[in-house]
């Protein structure tokens, strides 16, 4: 329960931080995203690099897993890691929504939805296994899910983002 509370606390702080972004910055972000949408429409190669996708998908689950093997001190650091994960996700989505309204919500969902469905459980689940002896099989399931998510990020997500960028006016 404490793991979920830390993650949700990070989400709440991310939303508060996104709401405190000045209007001028929101306007700049909206202009940047519209410009990005125009350039996106002109390019044909929209694939992300495997290394970048691996970094995005693996950073929090691996960090939580490693901290889980580091004893009590490592386990204590899992809570702020989960709070940070919630904060950064929520801040990004909140900024998209604040800058672009409904289109920003769609863009955030397209860009972060698949990742959230896979990375969030794979970040929290290893934290629940701290101290468990035979956790390797359970961690392997997380690894397989993360690989599936990376494949979707490289194939499906660019199409979703293209569709969401098309809603920008």
N, C-alpha and C. Protein backbone atom coordinates (compact mmCIF):
# COMPACT_ATOMS: atom_id res chain seq x y z
N UNK A 1 0.82 -1.18 0.00
CA UNK A 1 0.00 0.00 0.00
C UNK A 1 0.87 1.25 0.00
N UNK A 2 1.98 1.18 0.73
CA UNK A 2 2.88 2.31 0.80
C UNK A 2 3.50 2.60 -0.57
N UNK A 3 3.78 1.58 -1.35
CA UNK A 3 4.33 1.75 -2.69
C UNK A 3 3.36 2.54 -3.56
N UNK A 4 2.10 2.15 -3.53
CA UNK A 4 1.07 2.85 -4.30
C UNK A 4 0.88 4.28 -3.83
N UNK A 5 0.94 4.50 -2.53
CA UNK A 5 0.80 5.86 -2.00
C UNK A 5 1.94 6.76 -2.46
N UNK A 6 3.15 6.23 -2.48
CA UNK A 6 4.29 7.03 -2.96
C UNK A 6 4.14 7.36 -4.45
N UNK A 7 3.73 6.39 -5.22
CA UNK A 7 3.53 6.63 -6.64
C UNK A 7 2.42 7.66 -6.85
N UNK A 8 1.31 7.50 -6.16
CA UNK A 8 0.19 8.46 -6.29
C UNK A 8 0.58 9.84 -5.77
N UNK A 9 1.39 9.89 -4.73
CA UNK A 9 1.89 11.18 -4.26
C UNK A 9 2.71 11.88 -5.33
N UNK A 10 3.52 11.10 -6.03
CA UNK A 10 4.29 11.66 -7.15
C UNK A 10 3.39 12.18 -8.25
N UNK A 11 2.32 11.46 -8.53
CA UNK A 11 1.35 11.90 -9.55
C UNK A 11 0.72 13.22 -9.13
N UNK A 12 0.31 13.31 -7.89
CA UNK A 12 -0.31 14.54 -7.39
C UNK A 12 0.66 15.72 -7.49
N UNK A 13 1.90 15.50 -7.06
CA UNK A 13 2.90 16.58 -7.15
C UNK A 13 3.17 16.97 -8.60
N UNK A 14 3.16 15.99 -9.51
CA UNK A 14 3.36 16.28 -10.93
C UNK A 14 2.24 17.14 -11.49
N UNK A 15 1.00 16.85 -11.09
CA UNK A 15 -0.13 17.66 -11.54
C UNK A 15 -0.05 19.07 -10.98
N UNK A 16 0.33 19.19 -9.72
CA UNK A 16 0.48 20.54 -9.13
C UNK A 16 1.58 21.32 -9.83
N UNK A 17 2.68 20.65 -10.13
CA UNK A 17 3.78 21.32 -10.83
C UNK A 17 3.37 21.72 -12.24
N UNK A 18 2.62 20.87 -12.93
CA UNK A 18 2.17 21.19 -14.29
C UNK A 18 1.22 22.38 -14.29
N UNK A 19 0.40 22.47 -13.27
CA UNK A 19 -0.53 23.61 -13.17
C UNK A 19 0.18 24.91 -12.82
N UNK A 20 1.35 24.80 -12.26
CA UNK A 20 2.08 26.02 -11.88
C UNK A 20 2.96 26.54 -13.01
N UNK A 21 2.99 25.86 -14.14
CA UNK A 21 3.76 26.32 -15.29
C UNK A 21 3.11 27.60 -15.81
N UNK A 22 3.89 28.66 -16.02
CA UNK A 22 3.31 29.93 -16.47
C UNK A 22 2.64 29.80 -17.84
N UNK A 23 1.65 30.65 -18.06
CA UNK A 23 0.89 30.63 -19.32
C UNK A 23 1.80 30.82 -20.52
N UNK A 24 2.82 31.66 -20.41
CA UNK A 24 3.74 31.89 -21.53
C UNK A 24 4.46 30.59 -21.91
N UNK A 25 4.83 29.81 -20.92
CA UNK A 25 5.50 28.53 -21.20
C UNK A 25 4.54 27.54 -21.84
N UNK A 26 3.29 27.55 -21.41
CA UNK A 26 2.29 26.67 -22.03
C UNK A 26 2.10 27.03 -23.49
N UNK A 27 2.05 28.33 -23.76
CA UNK A 27 1.89 28.79 -25.14
C UNK A 27 3.08 28.37 -25.99
N UNK A 28 4.28 28.49 -25.43
CA UNK A 28 5.48 28.07 -26.15
C UNK A 28 5.45 26.57 -26.42
N UNK A 29 5.04 25.79 -25.43
CA UNK A 29 4.95 24.34 -25.60
C UNK A 29 3.93 23.99 -26.68
N UNK A 30 2.78 24.66 -26.67
CA UNK A 30 1.75 24.40 -27.68
C UNK A 30 2.29 24.71 -29.07
N UNK A 31 3.00 25.83 -29.21
CA UNK A 31 3.58 26.19 -30.52
C UNK A 31 4.61 25.16 -30.94
N UNK A 32 5.44 24.73 -30.01
CA UNK A 32 6.46 23.72 -30.32
C UNK A 32 5.82 22.42 -30.78
N UNK A 33 4.78 21.97 -30.07
CA UNK A 33 4.13 20.71 -30.42
C UNK A 33 3.43 20.81 -31.78
N UNK A 34 2.86 21.95 -32.08
CA UNK A 34 2.23 22.13 -33.41
C UNK A 34 3.30 22.12 -34.50
N UNK A 35 4.43 22.75 -34.22
CA UNK A 35 5.54 22.73 -35.18
C UNK A 35 6.06 21.30 -35.37
N UNK A 36 6.18 20.60 -34.27
CA UNK A 36 6.62 19.22 -34.30
C UNK A 36 5.65 18.38 -35.13
N UNK A 37 4.35 18.63 -34.96
CA UNK A 37 3.33 17.89 -35.72
C UNK A 37 3.50 18.13 -37.22
N UNK A 38 3.82 19.38 -37.59
CA UNK A 38 4.01 19.69 -39.01
C UNK A 38 5.22 18.97 -39.57
N UNK A 39 6.32 18.96 -38.83
CA UNK A 39 7.53 18.27 -39.28
C UNK A 39 7.29 16.76 -39.31
N UNK A 40 6.60 16.25 -38.31
CA UNK A 40 6.29 14.82 -38.24
C UNK A 40 5.54 14.37 -39.48
N UNK A 41 4.60 15.21 -39.93
CA UNK A 41 3.82 14.87 -41.11
C UNK A 41 4.64 14.83 -42.38
N UNK A 42 5.77 15.53 -42.42
CA UNK A 42 6.61 15.58 -43.61
C UNK A 42 7.66 14.47 -43.66
N UNK A 43 7.94 13.82 -42.54
CA UNK A 43 8.97 12.79 -42.50
C UNK A 43 8.37 11.41 -42.72
N UNK A 44 9.18 10.52 -43.21
CA UNK A 44 8.71 9.15 -43.42
C UNK A 44 9.30 8.19 -42.40
N UNK A 45 10.46 8.50 -41.83
CA UNK A 45 11.10 7.62 -40.85
C UNK A 45 10.72 8.08 -39.45
N UNK A 46 9.80 7.35 -38.83
CA UNK A 46 9.31 7.74 -37.51
C UNK A 46 9.71 6.75 -36.43
N UNK A 47 10.62 5.89 -36.73
CA UNK A 47 10.99 4.88 -35.75
C UNK A 47 11.92 5.47 -34.69
N UNK A 48 11.72 5.02 -33.49
CA UNK A 48 12.57 5.44 -32.39
C UNK A 48 13.75 4.47 -32.31
N UNK A 49 14.82 4.92 -31.68
CA UNK A 49 15.97 4.03 -31.54
C UNK A 49 15.70 3.00 -30.45
N UNK A 50 16.17 1.81 -30.67
CA UNK A 50 15.99 0.73 -29.71
C UNK A 50 16.63 1.09 -28.37
N UNK A 51 17.79 1.73 -28.41
CA UNK A 51 18.48 2.10 -27.18
C UNK A 51 17.67 3.10 -26.36
N UNK A 52 17.07 4.09 -27.03
CA UNK A 52 16.26 5.08 -26.31
C UNK A 52 15.04 4.41 -25.69
N UNK A 53 14.39 3.55 -26.47
CA UNK A 53 13.20 2.86 -25.97
C UNK A 53 13.57 1.95 -24.79
N UNK A 54 14.68 1.25 -24.90
CA UNK A 54 15.13 0.39 -23.79
C UNK A 54 15.37 1.23 -22.53
N UNK A 55 15.99 2.37 -22.69
CA UNK A 55 16.23 3.24 -21.54
C UNK A 55 14.94 3.69 -20.88
N UNK A 56 13.98 4.08 -21.68
CA UNK A 56 12.70 4.54 -21.15
C UNK A 56 11.94 3.41 -20.46
N UNK A 57 11.98 2.24 -21.04
CA UNK A 57 11.22 1.12 -20.48
C UNK A 57 11.91 0.46 -19.28
N UNK A 58 13.21 0.47 -19.26
CA UNK A 58 13.93 -0.30 -18.25
C UNK A 58 14.42 0.50 -17.05
N UNK A 59 14.51 1.82 -17.17
CA UNK A 59 15.16 2.59 -16.10
C UNK A 59 14.52 2.39 -14.73
N UNK A 60 13.22 2.56 -14.59
CA UNK A 60 12.61 2.42 -13.27
C UNK A 60 12.51 0.96 -12.82
N UNK A 61 12.04 0.04 -13.66
CA UNK A 61 11.99 -1.35 -13.19
C UNK A 61 13.35 -1.91 -12.79
N UNK A 62 14.39 -1.60 -13.57
CA UNK A 62 15.73 -2.08 -13.21
C UNK A 62 16.23 -1.45 -11.92
N UNK A 63 16.01 -0.15 -11.78
CA UNK A 63 16.46 0.54 -10.57
C UNK A 63 15.76 -0.04 -9.34
N UNK A 64 14.46 -0.25 -9.43
CA UNK A 64 13.72 -0.82 -8.30
C UNK A 64 14.21 -2.23 -8.01
N UNK A 65 14.47 -3.02 -9.04
CA UNK A 65 14.95 -4.39 -8.85
C UNK A 65 16.31 -4.40 -8.17
N UNK A 66 17.22 -3.57 -8.65
CA UNK A 66 18.56 -3.50 -8.05
C UNK A 66 18.48 -3.03 -6.61
N UNK A 67 17.66 -2.01 -6.35
CA UNK A 67 17.51 -1.53 -4.97
C UNK A 67 16.94 -2.61 -4.07
N UNK A 68 16.08 -3.45 -4.62
CA UNK A 68 15.52 -4.55 -3.84
C UNK A 68 16.55 -5.57 -3.39
N UNK A 69 17.65 -5.66 -4.13
CA UNK A 69 18.72 -6.59 -3.76
C UNK A 69 19.74 -5.95 -2.81
N UNK A 70 19.58 -4.68 -2.51
CA UNK A 70 20.57 -3.94 -1.71
C UNK A 70 20.22 -3.84 -0.24
N UNK A 71 19.37 -4.69 0.24
CA UNK A 71 19.06 -4.69 1.66
C UNK A 71 18.10 -3.58 2.05
N UNK A 72 18.10 -3.26 3.35
CA UNK A 72 17.15 -2.29 3.90
C UNK A 72 17.35 -0.89 3.32
N UNK A 73 18.60 -0.49 3.16
CA UNK A 73 18.87 0.85 2.62
C UNK A 73 18.34 0.97 1.19
N UNK A 74 18.56 -0.05 0.38
CA UNK A 74 18.06 -0.04 -0.99
C UNK A 74 16.54 -0.06 -1.02
N UNK A 75 15.95 -0.88 -0.17
CA UNK A 75 14.49 -0.97 -0.12
C UNK A 75 13.87 0.37 0.26
N UNK A 76 14.52 1.11 1.14
CA UNK A 76 14.01 2.42 1.55
C UNK A 76 14.05 3.41 0.39
N UNK A 77 14.98 3.24 -0.53
CA UNK A 77 15.10 4.15 -1.67
C UNK A 77 14.07 3.87 -2.77
N UNK A 78 13.41 2.72 -2.69
CA UNK A 78 12.40 2.38 -3.68
C UNK A 78 11.24 3.38 -3.63
N UNK A 79 10.86 3.81 -2.44
CA UNK A 79 9.72 4.71 -2.30
C UNK A 79 9.94 6.03 -3.04
N UNK A 80 11.08 6.72 -2.87
CA UNK A 80 11.27 7.95 -3.64
C UNK A 80 11.41 7.70 -5.15
N UNK A 81 11.92 6.54 -5.54
CA UNK A 81 12.01 6.23 -6.97
C UNK A 81 10.60 6.13 -7.57
N UNK A 82 9.70 5.45 -6.88
CA UNK A 82 8.33 5.34 -7.37
C UNK A 82 7.63 6.69 -7.37
N UNK A 83 7.89 7.52 -6.37
CA UNK A 83 7.32 8.86 -6.35
C UNK A 83 7.84 9.69 -7.53
N UNK A 84 9.12 9.57 -7.84
CA UNK A 84 9.70 10.29 -8.97
C UNK A 84 9.09 9.82 -10.28
N UNK A 85 8.89 8.52 -10.42
CA UNK A 85 8.28 7.99 -11.64
C UNK A 85 6.88 8.57 -11.83
N UNK A 86 6.09 8.58 -10.78
CA UNK A 86 4.74 9.16 -10.85
C UNK A 86 4.78 10.64 -11.16
N UNK A 87 5.72 11.36 -10.56
CA UNK A 87 5.84 12.80 -10.79
C UNK A 87 6.15 13.10 -12.26
N UNK A 88 7.17 12.48 -12.80
CA UNK A 88 7.59 12.80 -14.17
C UNK A 88 6.52 12.44 -15.20
N UNK A 89 5.87 11.32 -15.00
CA UNK A 89 4.80 10.93 -15.90
C UNK A 89 3.65 11.94 -15.82
N UNK A 90 3.23 12.24 -14.63
CA UNK A 90 2.10 13.15 -14.43
C UNK A 90 2.42 14.57 -14.91
N UNK A 91 3.62 15.03 -14.66
CA UNK A 91 4.02 16.37 -15.10
C UNK A 91 3.98 16.46 -16.62
N UNK A 92 4.52 15.46 -17.31
CA UNK A 92 4.54 15.47 -18.77
C UNK A 92 3.12 15.48 -19.33
N UNK A 93 2.30 14.57 -18.86
CA UNK A 93 0.92 14.50 -19.35
C UNK A 93 0.16 15.77 -19.00
N UNK A 94 0.38 16.30 -17.81
CA UNK A 94 -0.29 17.53 -17.39
C UNK A 94 0.10 18.73 -18.24
N UNK A 95 1.36 18.81 -18.63
CA UNK A 95 1.81 19.91 -19.49
C UNK A 95 1.21 19.81 -20.88
N UNK A 96 1.13 18.59 -21.42
CA UNK A 96 0.49 18.41 -22.73
C UNK A 96 -0.97 18.87 -22.66
N UNK A 97 -1.67 18.45 -21.63
CA UNK A 97 -3.08 18.80 -21.49
C UNK A 97 -3.26 20.30 -21.27
N UNK A 98 -2.40 20.90 -20.45
CA UNK A 98 -2.51 22.33 -20.19
C UNK A 98 -2.22 23.16 -21.43
N UNK A 99 -1.30 22.70 -22.25
CA UNK A 99 -0.91 23.46 -23.43
C UNK A 99 -1.89 23.28 -24.59
N UNK A 100 -2.45 22.09 -24.72
CA UNK A 100 -3.24 21.78 -25.91
C UNK A 100 -4.69 21.39 -25.64
N UNK A 101 -5.08 21.38 -24.40
CA UNK A 101 -6.46 21.00 -24.08
C UNK A 101 -6.73 19.54 -24.41
N UNK A 102 -7.88 19.30 -25.02
CA UNK A 102 -8.30 17.93 -25.33
C UNK A 102 -7.30 17.21 -26.23
N UNK A 103 -6.74 17.92 -27.22
CA UNK A 103 -5.73 17.32 -28.10
C UNK A 103 -4.49 16.92 -27.31
N UNK A 104 -4.16 17.69 -26.28
CA UNK A 104 -3.02 17.35 -25.44
C UNK A 104 -3.24 16.08 -24.65
N UNK A 105 -4.47 15.88 -24.21
CA UNK A 105 -4.80 14.64 -23.49
C UNK A 105 -4.65 13.45 -24.43
N UNK A 106 -5.14 13.59 -25.66
CA UNK A 106 -4.99 12.51 -26.64
C UNK A 106 -3.53 12.25 -26.96
N UNK A 107 -2.75 13.32 -27.11
CA UNK A 107 -1.33 13.17 -27.40
C UNK A 107 -0.61 12.47 -26.25
N UNK A 108 -0.91 12.88 -25.03
CA UNK A 108 -0.29 12.24 -23.86
C UNK A 108 -0.67 10.76 -23.78
N UNK A 109 -1.93 10.45 -24.06
CA UNK A 109 -2.36 9.06 -24.04
C UNK A 109 -1.65 8.25 -25.12
N UNK A 110 -1.54 8.83 -26.32
CA UNK A 110 -0.85 8.13 -27.42
C UNK A 110 0.63 7.93 -27.11
N UNK A 111 1.26 8.95 -26.55
CA UNK A 111 2.70 8.89 -26.30
C UNK A 111 3.05 8.05 -25.08
N UNK A 112 2.22 8.10 -24.04
CA UNK A 112 2.58 7.46 -22.77
C UNK A 112 1.69 6.29 -22.37
N UNK A 113 0.57 6.08 -23.05
CA UNK A 113 -0.40 5.07 -22.62
C UNK A 113 0.14 3.66 -22.58
N UNK A 114 0.71 3.20 -23.69
CA UNK A 114 1.24 1.83 -23.73
C UNK A 114 2.35 1.67 -22.70
N UNK A 115 3.21 2.67 -22.64
CA UNK A 115 4.33 2.62 -21.69
C UNK A 115 3.82 2.50 -20.26
N UNK A 116 2.81 3.28 -19.91
CA UNK A 116 2.28 3.23 -18.54
C UNK A 116 1.66 1.88 -18.21
N UNK A 117 0.94 1.31 -19.17
CA UNK A 117 0.31 0.02 -18.92
C UNK A 117 1.31 -1.08 -18.61
N UNK A 118 2.53 -0.93 -19.11
CA UNK A 118 3.53 -1.98 -18.92
C UNK A 118 4.57 -1.61 -17.88
N UNK A 119 5.10 -0.40 -17.95
CA UNK A 119 6.20 -0.03 -17.07
C UNK A 119 5.75 0.14 -15.61
N UNK A 120 4.59 0.72 -15.39
CA UNK A 120 4.16 0.96 -14.01
C UNK A 120 4.02 -0.33 -13.20
N UNK A 121 3.31 -1.34 -13.71
CA UNK A 121 3.25 -2.59 -12.94
C UNK A 121 4.63 -3.25 -12.79
N UNK A 122 5.45 -3.12 -13.83
CA UNK A 122 6.78 -3.74 -13.77
C UNK A 122 7.75 -2.95 -12.89
N UNK A 123 7.36 -1.76 -12.46
CA UNK A 123 8.16 -1.02 -11.48
C UNK A 123 7.71 -1.34 -10.07
N UNK A 124 6.41 -1.49 -9.89
CA UNK A 124 5.88 -1.73 -8.54
C UNK A 124 6.03 -3.19 -8.14
N UNK A 125 5.82 -4.11 -9.07
CA UNK A 125 5.87 -5.54 -8.73
C UNK A 125 7.22 -5.97 -8.15
N UNK A 126 8.36 -5.59 -8.75
CA UNK A 126 9.64 -5.98 -8.13
C UNK A 126 9.81 -5.43 -6.72
N UNK A 127 9.23 -4.26 -6.47
CA UNK A 127 9.32 -3.70 -5.12
C UNK A 127 8.56 -4.56 -4.12
N UNK A 128 7.52 -5.22 -4.57
CA UNK A 128 6.74 -6.09 -3.69
C UNK A 128 7.48 -7.40 -3.40
N UNK A 129 8.49 -7.72 -4.18
CA UNK A 129 9.22 -8.97 -4.03
C UNK A 129 10.47 -8.84 -3.16
N UNK A 130 10.71 -7.64 -2.63
CA UNK A 130 11.91 -7.43 -1.81
C UNK A 130 11.95 -8.45 -0.68
N UNK A 131 13.07 -9.15 -0.59
CA UNK A 131 13.26 -10.14 0.46
C UNK A 131 12.73 -11.52 0.12
N UNK A 132 12.00 -11.66 -0.95
CA UNK A 132 11.48 -12.96 -1.35
C UNK A 132 12.61 -13.78 -1.98
N UNK A 133 12.73 -15.02 -1.60
CA UNK A 133 13.84 -15.85 -2.05
C UNK A 133 13.79 -16.19 -3.54
N UNK A 134 12.73 -16.76 -4.01
CA UNK A 134 12.64 -17.24 -5.39
C UNK A 134 11.89 -16.24 -6.26
N UNK A 135 12.46 -15.08 -6.42
CA UNK A 135 11.77 -14.04 -7.19
C UNK A 135 12.17 -14.02 -8.66
N UNK A 136 13.13 -14.83 -9.07
CA UNK A 136 13.64 -14.77 -10.44
C UNK A 136 12.58 -15.08 -11.48
N UNK A 137 11.75 -16.06 -11.23
CA UNK A 137 10.70 -16.42 -12.19
C UNK A 137 9.71 -15.26 -12.34
N UNK A 138 9.37 -14.65 -11.22
CA UNK A 138 8.43 -13.53 -11.25
C UNK A 138 9.05 -12.31 -11.94
N UNK A 139 10.33 -12.11 -11.72
CA UNK A 139 11.01 -11.00 -12.40
C UNK A 139 11.13 -11.27 -13.91
N UNK A 140 11.24 -12.53 -14.28
CA UNK A 140 11.31 -12.88 -15.70
C UNK A 140 10.01 -12.52 -16.41
N UNK A 141 8.88 -12.65 -15.73
CA UNK A 141 7.60 -12.25 -16.32
C UNK A 141 7.61 -10.75 -16.59
N UNK A 142 8.12 -9.98 -15.64
CA UNK A 142 8.24 -8.53 -15.85
C UNK A 142 9.15 -8.23 -17.04
N UNK A 143 10.25 -8.96 -17.13
CA UNK A 143 11.17 -8.77 -18.25
C UNK A 143 10.49 -9.05 -19.59
N UNK A 144 9.70 -10.10 -19.65
CA UNK A 144 8.99 -10.43 -20.89
C UNK A 144 7.97 -9.35 -21.24
N UNK A 145 7.27 -8.85 -20.23
CA UNK A 145 6.31 -7.76 -20.47
C UNK A 145 7.01 -6.50 -20.96
N UNK A 146 8.16 -6.20 -20.38
CA UNK A 146 8.91 -5.02 -20.80
C UNK A 146 9.39 -5.15 -22.24
N UNK A 147 9.81 -6.35 -22.64
CA UNK A 147 10.21 -6.58 -24.04
C UNK A 147 9.02 -6.41 -24.98
N UNK A 148 7.86 -6.90 -24.58
CA UNK A 148 6.65 -6.71 -25.37
C UNK A 148 6.34 -5.21 -25.51
N UNK A 149 6.44 -4.49 -24.40
CA UNK A 149 6.20 -3.05 -24.43
C UNK A 149 7.16 -2.31 -25.34
N UNK A 150 8.42 -2.72 -25.31
CA UNK A 150 9.41 -2.09 -26.19
C UNK A 150 9.06 -2.34 -27.65
N UNK A 151 8.62 -3.54 -27.96
CA UNK A 151 8.22 -3.85 -29.34
C UNK A 151 7.03 -2.99 -29.76
N UNK A 152 6.06 -2.83 -28.87
CA UNK A 152 4.91 -1.98 -29.17
C UNK A 152 5.32 -0.52 -29.31
N UNK A 153 6.25 -0.09 -28.50
CA UNK A 153 6.74 1.30 -28.57
C UNK A 153 7.40 1.57 -29.92
N UNK A 154 8.06 0.58 -30.47
CA UNK A 154 8.74 0.75 -31.75
C UNK A 154 7.79 0.60 -32.95
N UNK A 155 6.67 -0.08 -32.76
CA UNK A 155 5.80 -0.36 -33.90
C UNK A 155 4.45 0.37 -33.82
N UNK A 156 3.74 0.25 -32.72
CA UNK A 156 2.40 0.80 -32.58
C UNK A 156 2.39 2.26 -32.16
N UNK A 157 3.20 2.62 -31.20
CA UNK A 157 3.16 3.96 -30.63
C UNK A 157 3.42 5.06 -31.67
N UNK A 158 4.36 4.90 -32.60
CA UNK A 158 4.50 5.96 -33.61
C UNK A 158 3.21 6.22 -34.40
N UNK A 159 2.45 5.18 -34.66
CA UNK A 159 1.17 5.35 -35.36
C UNK A 159 0.16 6.08 -34.49
N UNK A 160 0.14 5.74 -33.20
CA UNK A 160 -0.77 6.42 -32.28
C UNK A 160 -0.41 7.90 -32.15
N UNK A 161 0.89 8.18 -32.05
CA UNK A 161 1.33 9.57 -31.94
C UNK A 161 0.99 10.33 -33.22
N UNK A 162 1.18 9.70 -34.37
CA UNK A 162 0.85 10.34 -35.63
C UNK A 162 -0.65 10.69 -35.66
N UNK A 163 -1.48 9.77 -35.24
CA UNK A 163 -2.91 10.04 -35.19
C UNK A 163 -3.21 11.20 -34.24
N UNK A 164 -2.61 11.19 -33.05
CA UNK A 164 -2.86 12.25 -32.07
C UNK A 164 -2.35 13.60 -32.56
N UNK A 165 -1.20 13.61 -33.22
CA UNK A 165 -0.68 14.87 -33.76
C UNK A 165 -1.59 15.40 -34.85
N UNK A 166 -2.27 14.52 -35.54
CA UNK A 166 -3.22 14.95 -36.56
C UNK A 166 -4.42 15.68 -35.99
N UNK A 167 -4.69 15.52 -34.69
CA UNK A 167 -5.81 16.21 -34.05
C UNK A 167 -5.45 17.65 -33.68
N UNK A 168 -4.15 17.98 -33.73
CA UNK A 168 -3.74 19.34 -33.40
C UNK A 168 -4.15 20.29 -34.50
N UNK A 169 -4.69 21.41 -34.12
CA UNK A 169 -5.08 22.38 -35.14
C UNK A 169 -4.28 23.66 -35.03
